[in-house]
Amino acid sequence: MVQTPNQILTIEEFLALPETKPYSEYIDGKIIPKPMPQGKHSTIQGELCPTINSVVKVQKMGWAFPELRCTFGGRSIVPDVAVLSWARLLIDENGDIANTFAAAPDWIIEILSLEQSHTKVTKKILHALNHGTQMGWLIDPDERFIAAYPAGQQPLPFEEIESVLPVPEFCQGLQLTVGEIFGWLKVTA
């Protein structure tokens, strides 16, 4: 089903549609296509999940997922990285990780792509924070800038390479710096 410009869908109608690539999100009754990730975006996203999971999943504190559809608060979004605390993992009847997540992630990480609106991505993070997310990050690879959004606090800016980034409480022991994240972009011979 193709959505016409003035057509408003219910969230149920949206979720009944076949999944698209790149993914689409449901925001304010409209289908919003996510931009296809490019090199810097893909590199950071690809490194973040195993780096986070090497601490939080191994110690059963949480689990980081790339491109996990999360449906909550009247929206259905696909964060670049969604991290759920171990206590909030959704499990199916077989004891496996569930396929659908009708909950806000505990930690939402968005990586800005060239054609993405900074405002739209920030609104997605703020929506998640308003629905129980503990921490949000907005990573801008071109500006070499990371904004951290702790729940209930003002956003915190990070640009200095030695800056240690804040993480949610359930991820204690995980330490990432601005330099480490943007260092993943360097190609060495």
C-alpha atoms as a PDB file:
ATOM      1  CA  MET A   1       0.000   0.000   0.000  1.00  0.00           C
ATOM      2  CA  VAL A   2       1.356   3.398  -0.964  1.00  0.00           C
ATOM      3  CA  GLN A   3       0.401   6.292   1.253  1.00  0.00           C
ATOM      4  CA  THR A   4      -0.925   9.387  -0.485  1.00  0.00           C
ATOM      5  CA  PRO A   5       0.220  12.777   0.891  1.00  0.00           C
ATOM      6  CA  ASN A   6      -2.935  13.531   2.902  1.00  0.00           C
ATOM      7  CA  GLN A   7      -3.773   9.965   3.923  1.00  0.00           C
ATOM      8  CA  ILE A   8      -3.556   9.218   7.637  1.00  0.00           C
ATOM      9  CA  LEU A   9      -3.093   5.613   8.699  1.00  0.00           C
ATOM     10  CA  THR A  10      -3.732   4.065  12.072  1.00  0.00           C
ATOM     11  CA  ILE A  11      -0.780   2.438  13.753  1.00  0.00           C
ATOM     12  CA  GLU A  12      -2.467  -0.945  13.289  1.00  0.00           C
ATOM     13  CA  GLU A  13      -2.767  -0.332   9.530  1.00  0.00           C
ATOM     14  CA  PHE A  14       0.880   0.669   9.376  1.00  0.00           C
ATOM     15  CA  LEU A  15       2.070  -2.406  11.288  1.00  0.00           C
ATOM     16  CA  ALA A  16       0.026  -4.645   8.960  1.00  0.00           C
ATOM     17  CA  LEU A  17       1.949  -3.366   5.917  1.00  0.00           C
ATOM     18  CA  PRO A  18       4.922  -5.355   4.612  1.00  0.00           C
ATOM     19  CA  GLU A  19       8.307  -4.193   5.903  1.00  0.00           C
ATOM     20  CA  THR A  20      10.263  -1.974   3.511  1.00  0.00           C
ATOM     21  CA  LYS A  21      13.970  -1.453   2.844  1.00  0.00           C
ATOM     22  CA  PRO A  22      15.079   1.059   3.789  1.00  0.00           C
ATOM     23  CA  TYR A  23      12.776   0.939   6.778  1.00  0.00           C
ATOM     24  CA  SER A  24       9.840   3.252   7.280  1.00  0.00           C
ATOM     25  CA  GLU A  25       8.659   4.715  10.540  1.00  0.00           C
ATOM     26  CA  TYR A  26       5.169   5.660  11.690  1.00  0.00           C
ATOM     27  CA  ILE A  27       5.063   9.163  13.150  1.00  0.00           C
ATOM     28  CA  ASP A  28       1.927  11.276  13.649  1.00  0.00           C
ATOM     29  CA  GLY A  29      -0.176   9.063  11.383  1.00  0.00           C
ATOM     30  CA  LYS A  30       2.276   9.231   8.506  1.00  0.00           C
ATOM     31  CA  ILE A  31       4.793   6.852   6.993  1.00  0.00           C
ATOM     32  CA  ILE A  32       8.257   8.392   7.072  1.00  0.00           C
ATOM     33  CA  PRO A  33      10.977   6.527   5.129  1.00  0.00           C
ATOM     34  CA  LYS A  34      14.362   6.339   6.837  1.00  0.00           C
ATOM     35  CA  PRO A  35      17.285   7.356   4.641  1.00  0.00           C
ATOM     36  CA  MET A  36      19.574   4.590   3.486  1.00  0.00           C
ATOM     37  CA  PRO A  37      22.712   4.617   5.676  1.00  0.00           C
ATOM     38  CA  GLN A  38      25.956   5.652   4.049  1.00  0.00           C
ATOM     39  CA  GLY A  39      29.581   4.864   4.918  1.00  0.00           C
ATOM     40  CA  LYS A  40      30.140   6.819   8.133  1.00  0.00           C
ATOM     41  CA  HIS A  41      26.681   6.030   9.478  1.00  0.00           C
ATOM     42  CA  SER A  42      27.019   2.300   8.710  1.00  0.00           C
ATOM     43  CA  THR A  43      30.521   2.109  10.174  1.00  0.00           C
ATOM     44  CA  ILE A  44      29.547   3.681  13.500  1.00  0.00           C
ATOM     45  CA  GLN A  45      26.341   1.631  13.725  1.00  0.00           C
ATOM     46  CA  GLY A  46      28.220  -1.561  12.882  1.00  0.00           C
ATOM     47  CA  GLU A  47      30.816  -0.957  15.598  1.00  0.00           C
ATOM     48  CA  LEU A  48      28.431   0.273  18.311  1.00  0.00           C
ATOM     49  CA  CYS A  49      26.333  -2.869  18.735  1.00  0.00           C
ATOM     50  CA  PRO A  50      29.193  -5.345  19.288  1.00  0.00           C
ATOM     51  CA  THR A  51      31.071  -2.826  21.431  1.00  0.00           C
ATOM     52  CA  ILE A  52      28.064  -2.257  23.696  1.00  0.00           C
ATOM     53  CA  ASN A  53      27.161  -5.963  23.728  1.00  0.00           C
ATOM     54  CA  SER A  54      30.731  -6.963  24.648  1.00  0.00           C
ATOM     55  CA  VAL A  55      30.005  -5.428  28.050  1.00  0.00           C
ATOM     56  CA  VAL A  56      26.255  -5.238  28.622  1.00  0.00           C
ATOM     57  CA  LYS A  57      25.108  -8.474  26.937  1.00  0.00           C
ATOM     58  CA  VAL A  58      27.990 -10.548  28.280  1.00  0.00           C
ATOM     59  CA  GLN A  59      27.203  -9.363  31.812  1.00  0.00           C
ATOM     60  CA  LYS A  60      23.428  -9.725  31.262  1.00  0.00           C
ATOM     61  CA  MET A  61      22.819  -6.020  31.842  1.00  0.00           C
ATOM     62  CA  GLY A  62      21.198  -5.371  28.477  1.00  0.00           C
ATOM     63  CA  TRP A  63      21.269  -6.041  24.746  1.00  0.00           C
ATOM     64  CA  ALA A  64      21.991  -3.669  21.843  1.00  0.00           C
ATOM     65  CA  PHE A  65      20.066  -4.172  18.594  1.00  0.00           C
ATOM     66  CA  PRO A  66      20.626  -2.504  15.219  1.00  0.00           C
ATOM     67  CA  GLU A  67      17.507  -1.298  13.399  1.00  0.00           C
ATOM     68  CA  LEU A  68      14.984  -2.780  15.864  1.00  0.00           C
ATOM     69  CA  ARG A  69      11.395  -1.677  15.320  1.00  0.00           C
ATOM     70  CA  CYS A  70      10.034  -0.280  18.598  1.00  0.00           C
ATOM     71  CA  THR A  71       6.334   0.596  18.806  1.00  0.00           C
ATOM     72  CA  PHE A  72       5.228   2.817  21.691  1.00  0.00           C
ATOM     73  CA  GLY A  73       3.458   6.062  22.439  1.00  0.00           C
ATOM     74  CA  GLY A  74       1.478   5.993  19.200  1.00  0.00           C
ATOM     75  CA  ARG A  75       4.602   5.719  17.047  1.00  0.00           C
ATOM     76  CA  SER A  76       6.593   2.920  15.471  1.00  0.00           C
ATOM     77  CA  ILE A  77      10.243   3.845  15.037  1.00  0.00           C
ATOM     78  CA  VAL A  78      13.419   2.069  14.012  1.00  0.00           C
ATOM     79  CA  PRO A  79      16.342   3.530  15.970  1.00  0.00           C
ATOM     80  CA  ASP A  80      19.812   3.049  14.516  1.00  0.00           C
ATOM     81  CA  VAL A  81      20.668   1.290  17.789  1.00  0.00           C
ATOM     82  CA  ALA A  82      18.132   0.345  20.467  1.00  0.00           C
ATOM     83  CA  VAL A  83      19.418  -0.963  23.786  1.00  0.00           C
ATOM     84  CA  LEU A  84      17.110  -2.711  26.223  1.00  0.00           C
ATOM     85  CA  SER A  85      18.001  -3.525  29.788  1.00  0.00           C
ATOM     86  CA  TRP A  86      18.123  -7.244  30.541  1.00  0.00           C
ATOM     87  CA  ALA A  87      15.104  -6.971  32.840  1.00  0.00           C
ATOM     88  CA  ARG A  88      13.002  -5.474  30.008  1.00  0.00           C
ATOM     89  CA  LEU A  89      13.938  -7.871  27.210  1.00  0.00           C
ATOM     90  CA  LEU A  90      10.879  -9.273  25.495  1.00  0.00           C
ATOM     91  CA  ILE A  91      10.989 -13.056  25.253  1.00  0.00           C
ATOM     92  CA  ASP A  92       8.679 -15.384  23.340  1.00  0.00           C
ATOM     93  CA  GLU A  93       7.117 -18.658  24.517  1.00  0.00           C
ATOM     94  CA  ASN A  94      10.263 -20.596  23.463  1.00  0.00           C
ATOM     95  CA  GLY A  95      12.558 -18.459  25.582  1.00  0.00           C
ATOM     96  CA  ASP A  96      13.913 -16.711  22.464  1.00  0.00           C
ATOM     97  CA  ILE A  97      14.144 -12.985  21.930  1.00  0.00           C
ATOM     98  CA  ALA A  98      10.745 -11.750  20.747  1.00  0.00           C
ATOM     99  CA  ASN A  99      10.171 -10.548  17.201  1.00  0.00           C
ATOM    100  CA  THR A 100       8.053  -7.535  18.104  1.00  0.00           C
ATOM    101  CA  PHE A 101       8.893  -4.869  20.652  1.00  0.00           C
ATOM    102  CA  ALA A 102       5.956  -2.818  21.870  1.00  0.00           C
ATOM    103  CA  ALA A 103       8.086  -0.722  24.192  1.00  0.00           C
ATOM    104  CA  ALA A 104      10.474   2.204  24.179  1.00  0.00           C
ATOM    105  CA  PRO A 105      14.128   1.202  24.302  1.00  0.00           C
ATOM    106  CA  ASP A 106      16.022   2.019  27.480  1.00  0.00           C
ATOM    107  CA  TRP A 107      18.735   3.677  25.384  1.00  0.00           C
ATOM    108  CA  ILE A 108      18.186   5.076  21.892  1.00  0.00           C
ATOM    109  CA  ILE A 109      21.114   5.934  19.627  1.00  0.00           C
ATOM    110  CA  GLU A 110      20.648   7.821  16.384  1.00  0.00           C
ATOM    111  CA  ILE A 111      23.410   8.506  13.871  1.00  0.00           C
ATOM    112  CA  LEU A 112      22.761  11.509  11.679  1.00  0.00           C
ATOM    113  CA  SER A 113      22.930  10.895   7.934  1.00  0.00           C
ATOM    114  CA  LEU A 114      23.683  13.689   5.469  1.00  0.00           C
ATOM    115  CA  GLU A 115      20.102  14.023   4.231  1.00  0.00           C
ATOM    116  CA  GLN A 116      18.461  13.680   7.643  1.00  0.00           C
ATOM    117  CA  SER A 117      16.909  16.570   9.490  1.00  0.00           C
ATOM    118  CA  HIS A 118      18.624  17.169  12.823  1.00  0.00           C
ATOM    119  CA  THR A 119      15.272  18.356  14.195  1.00  0.00           C
ATOM    120  CA  LYS A 120      13.369  15.199  13.162  1.00  0.00           C
ATOM    121  CA  VAL A 121      15.986  12.924  14.708  1.00  0.00           C
ATOM    122  CA  THR A 122      16.019  14.996  17.906  1.00  0.00           C
ATOM    123  CA  LYS A 123      12.212  14.777  18.077  1.00  0.00           C
ATOM    124  CA  LYS A 124      12.464  10.980  17.836  1.00  0.00           C
ATOM    125  CA  ILE A 125      14.891  10.913  20.778  1.00  0.00           C
ATOM    126  CA  LEU A 126      12.698  13.278  22.817  1.00  0.00           C
ATOM    127  CA  HIS A 127       9.612  11.150  22.101  1.00  0.00           C
ATOM    128  CA  ALA A 128      11.455   8.090  23.408  1.00  0.00           C
ATOM    129  CA  LEU A 129      12.600   9.976  26.522  1.00  0.00           C
ATOM    130  CA  ASN A 130       8.995  11.016  27.157  1.00  0.00           C
ATOM    131  CA  HIS A 131       8.005   7.337  27.097  1.00  0.00           C
ATOM    132  CA  GLY A 132      10.517   5.889  29.537  1.00  0.00           C
ATOM    133  CA  THR A 133      13.832   5.832  27.675  1.00  0.00           C
ATOM    134  CA  GLN A 134      16.714   6.478  30.077  1.00  0.00           C
ATOM    135  CA  MET A 135      19.273   7.869  27.640  1.00  0.00           C
ATOM    136  CA  GLY A 136      19.480   9.117  24.076  1.00  0.00           C
ATOM    137  CA  TRP A 137      22.500   9.820  21.916  1.00  0.00           C
ATOM    138  CA  LEU A 138      22.593  11.779  18.690  1.00  0.00           C
ATOM    139  CA  ILE A 139      25.849  11.182  16.824  1.00  0.00           C
ATOM    140  CA  ASP A 140      26.813  13.572  14.016  1.00  0.00           C
ATOM    141  CA  PRO A 141      29.752  12.006  12.149  1.00  0.00           C
ATOM    142  CA  ASP A 142      30.402  15.002   9.893  1.00  0.00           C
ATOM    143  CA  GLU A 143      30.541  17.497  12.760  1.00  0.00           C
ATOM    144  CA  ARG A 144      32.333  14.998  15.051  1.00  0.00           C
ATOM    145  CA  PHE A 145      29.740  15.875  17.676  1.00  0.00           C
ATOM    146  CA  ILE A 146      27.673  13.754  20.061  1.00  0.00           C
ATOM    147  CA  ALA A 147      24.719  15.047  22.063  1.00  0.00           C
ATOM    148  CA  ALA A 148      23.708  12.935  25.043  1.00  0.00           C
ATOM    149  CA  TYR A 149      20.139  13.209  26.310  1.00  0.00           C
ATOM    150  CA  PRO A 150      19.857  11.864  29.876  1.00  0.00           C
ATOM    151  CA  ALA A 151      16.217  11.448  30.945  1.00  0.00           C
ATOM    152  CA  GLY A 152      14.944  14.474  32.844  1.00  0.00           C
ATOM    153  CA  GLN A 153      18.071  16.563  32.178  1.00  0.00           C
ATOM    154  CA  GLN A 154      19.373  19.070  29.679  1.00  0.00           C
ATOM    155  CA  PRO A 155      21.220  17.630  26.655  1.00  0.00           C
ATOM    156  CA  LEU A 156      24.981  17.378  27.095  1.00  0.00           C
ATOM    157  CA  PRO A 157      27.361  18.257  24.222  1.00  0.00           C
ATOM    158  CA  PHE A 158      30.531  16.229  23.549  1.00  0.00           C
ATOM    159  CA  GLU A 159      33.251  17.121  21.039  1.00  0.00           C
ATOM    160  CA  GLU A 160      36.587  16.606  22.788  1.00  0.00           C
ATOM    161  CA  ILE A 161      38.133  13.267  21.800  1.00  0.00           C
ATOM    162  CA  GLU A 162      38.954  12.316  25.395  1.00  0.00           C
ATOM    163  CA  SER A 163      35.397  12.982  26.624  1.00  0.00           C
ATOM    164  CA  VAL A 164      33.810   9.920  28.217  1.00  0.00           C
ATOM    165  CA  LEU A 165      30.188   9.637  27.153  1.00  0.00           C
ATOM    166  CA  PRO A 166      27.403   9.075  29.703  1.00  0.00           C
ATOM    167  CA  VAL A 167      25.559   5.758  29.510  1.00  0.00           C
ATOM    168  CA  PRO A 168      22.364   4.562  31.224  1.00  0.00           C
ATOM    169  CA  GLU A 169      22.708   3.282  34.779  1.00  0.00           C
ATOM    170  CA  PHE A 170      22.164  -0.348  33.766  1.00  0.00           C
ATOM    171  CA  CYS A 171      25.262  -0.124  31.519  1.00  0.00           C
ATOM    172  CA  GLN A 172      27.744   0.717  34.253  1.00  0.00           C
ATOM    173  CA  GLY A 173      31.140  -0.637  33.293  1.00  0.00           C
ATOM    174  CA  LEU A 174      30.685   0.376  29.658  1.00  0.00           C
ATOM    175  CA  GLN A 175      32.988   3.248  28.770  1.00  0.00           C
ATOM    176  CA  LEU A 176      33.078   4.928  25.369  1.00  0.00           C
ATOM    177  CA  THR A 177      34.816   8.133  24.371  1.00  0.00           C
ATOM    178  CA  VAL A 178      34.149  10.555  21.535  1.00  0.00           C
ATOM    179  CA  GLY A 179      37.573   9.695  20.119  1.00  0.00           C
ATOM    180  CA  GLU A 180      36.851   5.973  20.151  1.00  0.00           C
ATOM    181  CA  ILE A 181      33.553   6.376  18.294  1.00  0.00           C
ATOM    182  CA  PHE A 182      34.923   8.675  15.601  1.00  0.00           C
ATOM    183  CA  GLY A 183      38.171   6.679  15.498  1.00  0.00           C
ATOM    184  CA  TRP A 184      36.169   3.833  13.954  1.00  0.00           C
ATOM    185  CA  LEU A 185      35.909   5.979  10.808  1.00  0.00           C
ATOM    186  CA  LYS A 186      39.675   6.098  10.206  1.00  0.00           C
ATOM    187  CA  VAL A 187      41.045   3.818   7.524  1.00  0.00           C
ATOM    188  CA  THR A 188      44.590   2.722   8.278  1.00  0.00           C
ATOM    189  CA  ALA A 189      46.973   1.082   5.854  1.00  0.00           C
END
